[in-house]
Structures are given as structure tokens and as C-alpha cells.
Amino acid sequence: MIKKIIVFVCVLGLAASISPALAVKPENPGFSLPSNAIEVAPNVFSLGKVYDAQSHKMVEGYAIVHKSGNARGNSGNAKPSKAGQKCYGYLASGAKWKTVEDWEVFGGAGLNADFVLSNTSANIDKWETAAGTPSVLGTGSVGTGSITDPNILDNKNQVSFGVLDSGTIAVTIVWGIFSGPTFGRELVAWDQIYNTNFTWSNSGESGKMDFENISTHELGHAVGMGDIYTSSCSEVTMYGYGALGETAKRDLAPADVTGVSQLY
């Protein structure tokens, strides 16, 4: 747990490293890690502090980078989870949604916006059902305006597609308060970008990134869940690796359900 007020950026990817600039195509201009991004923990980059005009508080950003490895369902020699082992974690203990905000989606990479909307809604419902909360992330719609810079807290929660750094699968940004008394922590905004350098599938096709699989994992971050990298926990949805053709993260493992239900 990072004991600061932070913005979490989850980058689920195949690359062995991430460059400071994640270029995107013109319809999503300006998305890049700031030049002052500093790696403060393995695969975690500090993005600095910004002021949130809505909450009137300072927030700090972090980029969390996900690399290739044994994906769920292809765990190789990973040992089964030990009895009683905790295979879940949080962005910060107690950091969850306390208000409900709407969100919007944009199509891309061969997936139309209507599919992205319906599938994202279904994936959110998985987490909300497990949390025992009827509306954690609110209601979605197809975006009619522009895709904004996710590095800027603009009170818009967006799911979009863009060209990201080679090997990066997706980026999730979560804004919130993650330090101080647990009762004062909360999440306030989120954005996601899926990399158009990959071919995406809506049906689990081999050799393609399955949107439902990756989206379900990324939305775990949006509701406050952290990545798990312990190989003995490789069967959980929040295991921090993804792969072409993988579909096993579509459903939540018991540990994912336990974790989010305890958070909410």
C-alpha cells in the first residue's frame, strides 16, 4: 500500500519496460507519462501532485505498469494458493467509491462503441455484485464529445482506445485519496485506454486481446483493487499479467470476490 494521496494508473502490458511517453493517436491527444515521472516501487511510477477542484484537495498520481508473464489459466509451474493465503489487495485500505458518477465509452480497434458500452457495463456489474453494492461506478453511455487527456482530472470518466507504447495492453487511471484516516479515503474518478496496436476480440479469439478479459481486470482497479503478482495467486482476476487469447479473467475468482466485498 502506498500511503499517499494518489492517482493510480494501471498499465497492463506485455512490454518489459515502459517509456515515459505513451503516445496516442490524434483523437486522444496528449496522453503521456509526465517527464518527471519517477519509479518509486517496482512497476510503480509517481506522476506528481495536482489539485482537485471538486474535492478541494491535493492528489498525487502513480503509474502502475503490468508486464508479460503467466496469465491466469496458463500458470505453468505456479503452485496452487496455500490455504488461508490472501490473494487480493487494494490500492489503499479503505479507498473506495462513496459517490456515484456516470461514465462514457468510445469504440476503437474494431470494437464498436455499443459493444464496449454493454460489455463494460456487464463487467462493472460483476464487481458491484461481488461488492454487494448496487452502484459503485454509476451508469455508462456512448461518448458524444471528445476524448480528454486522462492525466487531467476533469470529472469525466472515459473508456477509450488509442495507440500506446509497444507491448502495453491498457491503461487505467484512478483518482482518489489514499492516505490519512481510513474513513477519509475515497475514489473520485477513473479513465481507461486500450491499445490499438493490438487486435481486439469480443469473443475470446486466439491471438487477440479479449476485451472482456482485460476490461474485467482493469475495472478491478477502478473500484479500488490492486494487482497481485504472487505466482501462487495466478488464478485470480487481479493477477497482474495478461496474454493474447486469455479469457479466464472474465469471471472473478473467490479471492477477488472476498477482497471487494470486504472493501465495500
Protein backbone atom coordinates (compact mmCIF):
# COMPACT_ATOMS: atom_id res chain seq x y z
CA MET A 1 0.00 0.00 0.00
CA ILE A 2 1.29 3.42 -0.93
CA LYS A 3 0.47 5.75 1.93
CA LYS A 4 -0.10 8.94 -0.02
CA ILE A 5 -2.91 10.81 -1.75
CA ILE A 6 -2.63 9.38 -5.19
CA VAL A 7 -3.81 8.75 -8.70
CA PHE A 8 -3.25 5.15 -9.76
CA VAL A 9 -2.54 4.34 -13.37
CA CYS A 10 -2.68 0.67 -14.22
CA VAL A 11 -0.81 -0.25 -17.39
CA LEU A 12 -1.48 -3.88 -18.22
CA GLY A 13 1.05 -4.89 -20.78
CA LEU A 14 3.48 -7.26 -22.37
CA ALA A 15 6.50 -4.99 -22.52
CA ALA A 16 9.50 -5.48 -20.29
CA SER A 17 9.57 -1.75 -19.58
CA ILE A 18 7.60 1.39 -20.21
CA SER A 19 8.79 4.59 -21.81
CA PRO A 20 7.98 7.92 -20.15
CA ALA A 21 5.81 8.85 -23.15
CA LEU A 22 2.84 6.73 -24.19
CA ALA A 23 1.84 8.34 -27.46
CA VAL A 24 -1.76 8.21 -28.59
CA LYS A 25 -3.44 8.92 -31.85
CA PRO A 26 -4.94 12.36 -32.60
CA GLU A 27 -8.41 11.64 -31.23
CA ASN A 28 -6.84 11.17 -27.80
CA PRO A 29 -4.09 13.81 -27.84
CA GLY A 30 -1.52 14.48 -25.20
CA PHE A 31 -1.58 11.26 -23.16
CA SER A 32 1.88 10.51 -21.83
CA LEU A 33 3.55 9.91 -18.54
CA PRO A 34 4.92 13.25 -17.36
CA SER A 35 8.63 13.81 -17.92
CA ASN A 36 9.07 13.97 -14.15
CA ALA A 37 7.57 10.50 -13.58
CA ILE A 38 9.74 8.63 -11.09
CA GLU A 39 9.73 4.91 -10.36
CA VAL A 40 9.06 4.68 -6.62
CA ALA A 41 8.46 0.93 -6.43
CA PRO A 42 8.75 -1.93 -8.92
CA ASN A 43 6.45 -1.04 -11.82
CA VAL A 44 5.03 1.97 -9.95
CA PHE A 45 5.79 5.50 -11.20
CA SER A 46 4.97 8.68 -9.31
CA LEU A 47 3.25 11.28 -11.52
CA GLY A 48 3.47 14.16 -9.05
CA LYS A 49 0.76 16.16 -7.30
CA VAL A 50 -2.25 18.06 -8.70
CA TYR A 51 -5.15 19.97 -7.19
CA ASP A 52 -8.65 18.51 -7.40
CA ALA A 53 -11.05 21.43 -7.74
CA GLN A 54 -14.05 19.24 -6.98
CA SER A 55 -12.87 17.89 -3.63
CA HIS A 56 -10.62 20.90 -2.91
CA LYS A 57 -7.77 18.54 -2.05
CA MET A 58 -4.34 17.75 -3.43
CA VAL A 59 -3.95 14.40 -5.18
CA GLU A 60 -0.84 12.58 -6.31
CA GLY A 61 -0.52 10.31 -9.32
CA TYR A 62 1.06 6.89 -9.71
CA ALA A 63 1.52 4.78 -12.83
CA ILE A 64 1.34 1.03 -12.23
CA VAL A 65 2.96 -0.98 -15.04
CA HIS A 66 1.88 -4.55 -15.81
CA LYS A 67 4.27 -6.79 -17.71
CA SER A 68 4.01 -10.11 -19.53
CA GLY A 69 4.06 -13.33 -17.56
CA ASN A 70 2.00 -16.40 -16.88
CA ALA A 71 -1.58 -15.32 -17.39
CA ARG A 72 -4.47 -16.78 -15.45
CA GLY A 73 -5.34 -20.17 -16.84
CA ASN A 74 -1.77 -20.58 -18.17
CA SER A 75 0.07 -20.56 -14.87
CA GLY A 76 2.74 -23.06 -15.85
CA ASN A 77 4.57 -24.28 -12.79
CA ALA A 78 2.88 -21.88 -10.38
CA LYS A 79 1.83 -23.67 -7.21
CA PRO A 80 -1.80 -23.60 -6.01
CA SER A 81 -2.68 -20.97 -3.43
CA LYS A 82 -1.94 -22.08 0.10
CA ALA A 83 -4.82 -22.48 2.49
CA GLY A 84 -5.60 -19.14 4.06
CA GLN A 85 -3.34 -17.18 1.70
CA LYS A 86 -4.72 -13.74 0.86
CA CYS A 87 -4.77 -13.39 -2.93
CA TYR A 88 -6.18 -9.88 -3.08
CA GLY A 89 -5.07 -6.36 -2.27
CA TYR A 90 -6.20 -2.75 -2.54
CA LEU A 91 -4.91 0.48 -3.97
CA ALA A 92 -5.10 1.54 -0.33
CA SER A 93 -7.07 0.11 2.56
CA GLY A 94 -10.47 1.78 2.72
CA ALA A 95 -10.10 3.66 -0.57
CA LYS A 96 -13.43 3.11 -2.29
CA TRP A 97 -16.25 4.96 -4.03
CA LYS A 98 -18.54 6.98 -1.77
CA THR A 99 -20.37 8.86 -4.52
CA VAL A 100 -21.65 7.67 -7.90
CA GLU A 101 -20.51 9.22 -11.17
CA ASP A 102 -21.55 8.47 -14.74
CA TRP A 103 -19.01 7.38 -17.33
CA GLU A 104 -18.77 7.18 -21.14
CA VAL A 105 -17.15 4.94 -23.72
CA PHE A 106 -15.70 5.29 -27.20
CA GLY A 107 -15.24 2.49 -29.70
CA GLY A 108 -11.99 1.57 -31.39
CA ALA A 109 -9.70 -1.22 -32.61
CA GLY A 110 -12.59 -2.87 -34.46
CA LEU A 111 -14.91 -2.83 -31.44
CA ASN A 112 -17.92 -0.54 -31.81
CA ALA A 113 -18.98 1.75 -29.00
CA ASP A 114 -22.25 -0.11 -28.38
CA PHE A 115 -20.34 -3.32 -27.64
CA VAL A 116 -17.83 -1.50 -25.45
CA LEU A 117 -20.70 0.09 -23.52
CA SER A 118 -22.66 -3.13 -22.96
CA ASN A 119 -19.60 -5.20 -22.10
CA THR A 120 -18.12 -2.59 -19.77
CA SER A 121 -21.48 -2.35 -18.01
CA ALA A 122 -21.59 -6.13 -17.60
CA ASN A 123 -18.05 -6.22 -16.27
CA ILE A 124 -18.80 -3.46 -13.77
CA ASP A 125 -21.83 -5.45 -12.64
CA LYS A 126 -19.56 -8.38 -11.76
CA TRP A 127 -17.63 -6.21 -9.32
CA GLU A 128 -20.74 -4.50 -7.96
CA THR A 129 -22.45 -7.84 -7.38
CA ALA A 130 -19.39 -9.16 -5.58
CA ALA A 131 -19.15 -5.96 -3.53
CA GLY A 132 -22.80 -6.21 -2.54
CA THR A 133 -23.30 -2.62 -3.70
CA PRO A 134 -25.84 -1.94 -6.46
CA SER A 135 -24.00 1.03 -7.97
CA VAL A 136 -20.29 1.58 -7.43
CA LEU A 137 -19.30 3.16 -10.74
CA GLY A 138 -22.63 4.54 -11.91
CA THR A 139 -24.18 4.46 -15.38
CA GLY A 140 -22.43 4.46 -18.74
CA SER A 141 -23.22 5.94 -22.14
CA VAL A 142 -21.65 6.24 -25.57
CA GLY A 143 -19.47 9.33 -25.65
CA THR A 144 -20.56 12.15 -27.93
CA GLY A 145 -17.82 14.66 -27.16
CA SER A 146 -14.06 14.43 -27.28
CA ILE A 147 -11.68 12.10 -25.52
CA THR A 148 -9.90 14.16 -22.91
CA ASP A 149 -6.39 13.85 -21.50
CA PRO A 150 -6.65 11.26 -18.71
CA ASN A 151 -3.73 12.91 -16.90
CA ILE A 152 -6.06 15.83 -16.15
CA LEU A 153 -8.76 15.47 -13.51
CA ASP A 154 -11.72 16.81 -15.49
CA ASN A 155 -14.64 14.98 -13.82
CA LYS A 156 -15.04 12.81 -16.91
CA ASN A 157 -14.71 9.05 -16.57
CA GLN A 158 -13.90 7.66 -20.01
CA VAL A 159 -13.13 4.34 -21.67
CA SER A 160 -11.34 4.81 -25.00
CA PHE A 161 -8.84 3.35 -27.46
CA GLY A 162 -5.53 4.81 -28.54
CA VAL A 163 -2.03 3.93 -29.65
CA LEU A 164 0.03 3.17 -26.54
CA ASP A 165 3.64 2.20 -26.07
CA SER A 166 4.63 -1.04 -27.77
CA GLY A 167 3.51 -4.03 -25.70
CA THR A 168 1.22 -2.05 -23.41
CA ILE A 169 -2.26 -3.55 -23.36
CA ALA A 170 -4.29 -0.99 -21.44
CA VAL A 171 -4.04 1.95 -19.06
CA THR A 172 -6.35 2.60 -16.13
CA ILE A 173 -6.21 5.85 -14.18
CA VAL A 174 -7.86 6.15 -10.80
CA TRP A 175 -8.01 9.39 -8.83
CA GLY A 176 -8.57 9.41 -5.12
CA ILE A 177 -7.49 9.99 -1.55
CA PHE A 178 -5.36 7.12 -0.31
CA SER A 179 -3.70 8.41 2.84
CA GLY A 180 -4.79 9.68 6.22
CA PRO A 181 -7.52 8.06 8.30
CA THR A 182 -9.11 5.09 6.55
CA PHE A 183 -12.59 6.61 6.86
CA GLY A 184 -11.44 9.66 4.88
CA ARG A 185 -10.10 7.75 1.89
CA GLU A 186 -12.11 7.54 -1.30
CA LEU A 187 -12.01 7.21 -5.09
CA VAL A 188 -13.19 10.14 -7.18
CA ALA A 189 -12.53 9.46 -10.89
CA TRP A 190 -11.24 6.90 -13.39
CA ASP A 191 -10.25 6.55 -17.05
CA GLN A 192 -9.15 3.69 -19.27
CA ILE A 193 -7.33 3.46 -22.62
CA TYR A 194 -6.94 0.23 -24.60
CA ASN A 195 -4.07 -0.11 -27.04
CA THR A 196 -4.96 -0.15 -30.74
CA ASN A 197 -1.60 -1.73 -31.53
CA PHE A 198 -3.29 -4.99 -30.53
CA THR A 199 -6.10 -6.71 -32.39
CA TRP A 200 -9.06 -6.92 -30.04
CA SER A 201 -11.77 -9.57 -29.85
CA ASN A 202 -15.27 -9.65 -28.40
CA SER A 203 -15.39 -13.44 -28.40
CA GLY A 204 -12.12 -14.77 -26.96
CA GLU A 205 -10.39 -15.40 -30.28
CA SER A 206 -6.95 -16.93 -30.17
CA GLY A 207 -4.13 -14.49 -30.89
CA LYS A 208 -6.20 -11.43 -29.99
CA MET A 209 -6.73 -9.46 -26.81
CA ASP A 210 -10.11 -10.33 -25.36
CA PHE A 211 -11.81 -7.10 -24.31
CA GLU A 212 -13.96 -8.66 -21.61
CA ASN A 213 -10.95 -10.37 -20.09
CA ILE A 214 -8.80 -7.24 -19.93
CA SER A 215 -11.69 -4.92 -19.05
CA THR A 216 -12.75 -7.01 -16.05
CA HIS A 217 -9.22 -6.80 -14.66
CA GLU A 218 -8.89 -3.07 -15.36
CA LEU A 219 -12.25 -2.33 -13.74
CA GLY A 220 -10.96 -4.02 -10.62
CA HIS A 221 -8.59 -1.08 -10.29
CA ALA A 222 -11.43 1.35 -10.96
CA VAL A 223 -13.31 0.02 -7.91
CA GLY A 224 -10.19 0.06 -5.72
CA MET A 225 -8.49 -3.32 -6.14
CA GLY A 226 -4.74 -3.67 -6.53
CA ASP A 227 -2.66 -6.05 -8.62
CA ILE A 228 -1.48 -9.41 -7.34
CA TYR A 229 1.88 -10.74 -8.59
CA THR A 230 2.35 -13.81 -6.38
CA SER A 231 2.55 -16.82 -8.69
CA SER A 232 0.58 -18.97 -6.27
CA CYS A 233 -2.31 -16.50 -6.76
CA SER A 234 -2.19 -16.70 -10.55
CA GLU A 235 -5.81 -17.85 -10.80
CA VAL A 236 -7.31 -14.56 -9.57
CA THR A 237 -8.67 -11.88 -11.89
CA MET A 238 -6.39 -9.26 -10.33
CA TYR A 239 -3.27 -11.29 -11.10
CA GLY A 240 -1.12 -8.68 -12.79
CA TYR A 241 -0.39 -10.30 -16.14
CA GLY A 242 -2.39 -10.57 -19.36
CA ALA A 243 -1.98 -12.56 -22.56
CA LEU A 244 -3.33 -12.92 -26.07
CA GLY A 245 -6.34 -15.23 -26.22
CA GLU A 246 -6.76 -15.27 -22.44
CA THR A 247 -10.37 -15.35 -21.22
CA ALA A 248 -10.03 -16.66 -17.65
CA LYS A 249 -10.08 -13.17 -16.11
CA ARG A 250 -13.63 -12.67 -17.39
CA ASP A 251 -15.01 -14.14 -14.18
CA LEU A 252 -14.00 -13.23 -10.64
CA ALA A 253 -12.14 -15.78 -8.57
CA PRO A 254 -13.18 -16.37 -4.94
CA ALA A 255 -10.31 -14.19 -3.72
CA ASP A 256 -11.46 -11.29 -5.91
CA VAL A 257 -14.97 -11.61 -4.51
CA THR A 258 -13.70 -11.75 -0.93
CA GLY A 259 -11.47 -8.75 -1.44
CA VAL A 260 -14.00 -6.40 -2.99
CA SER A 261 -16.75 -7.46 -0.58
CA GLN A 262 -14.51 -6.61 2.36
CA LEU A 263 -13.61 -3.26 0.81
CA TYR A 264 -17.29 -2.28 0.39
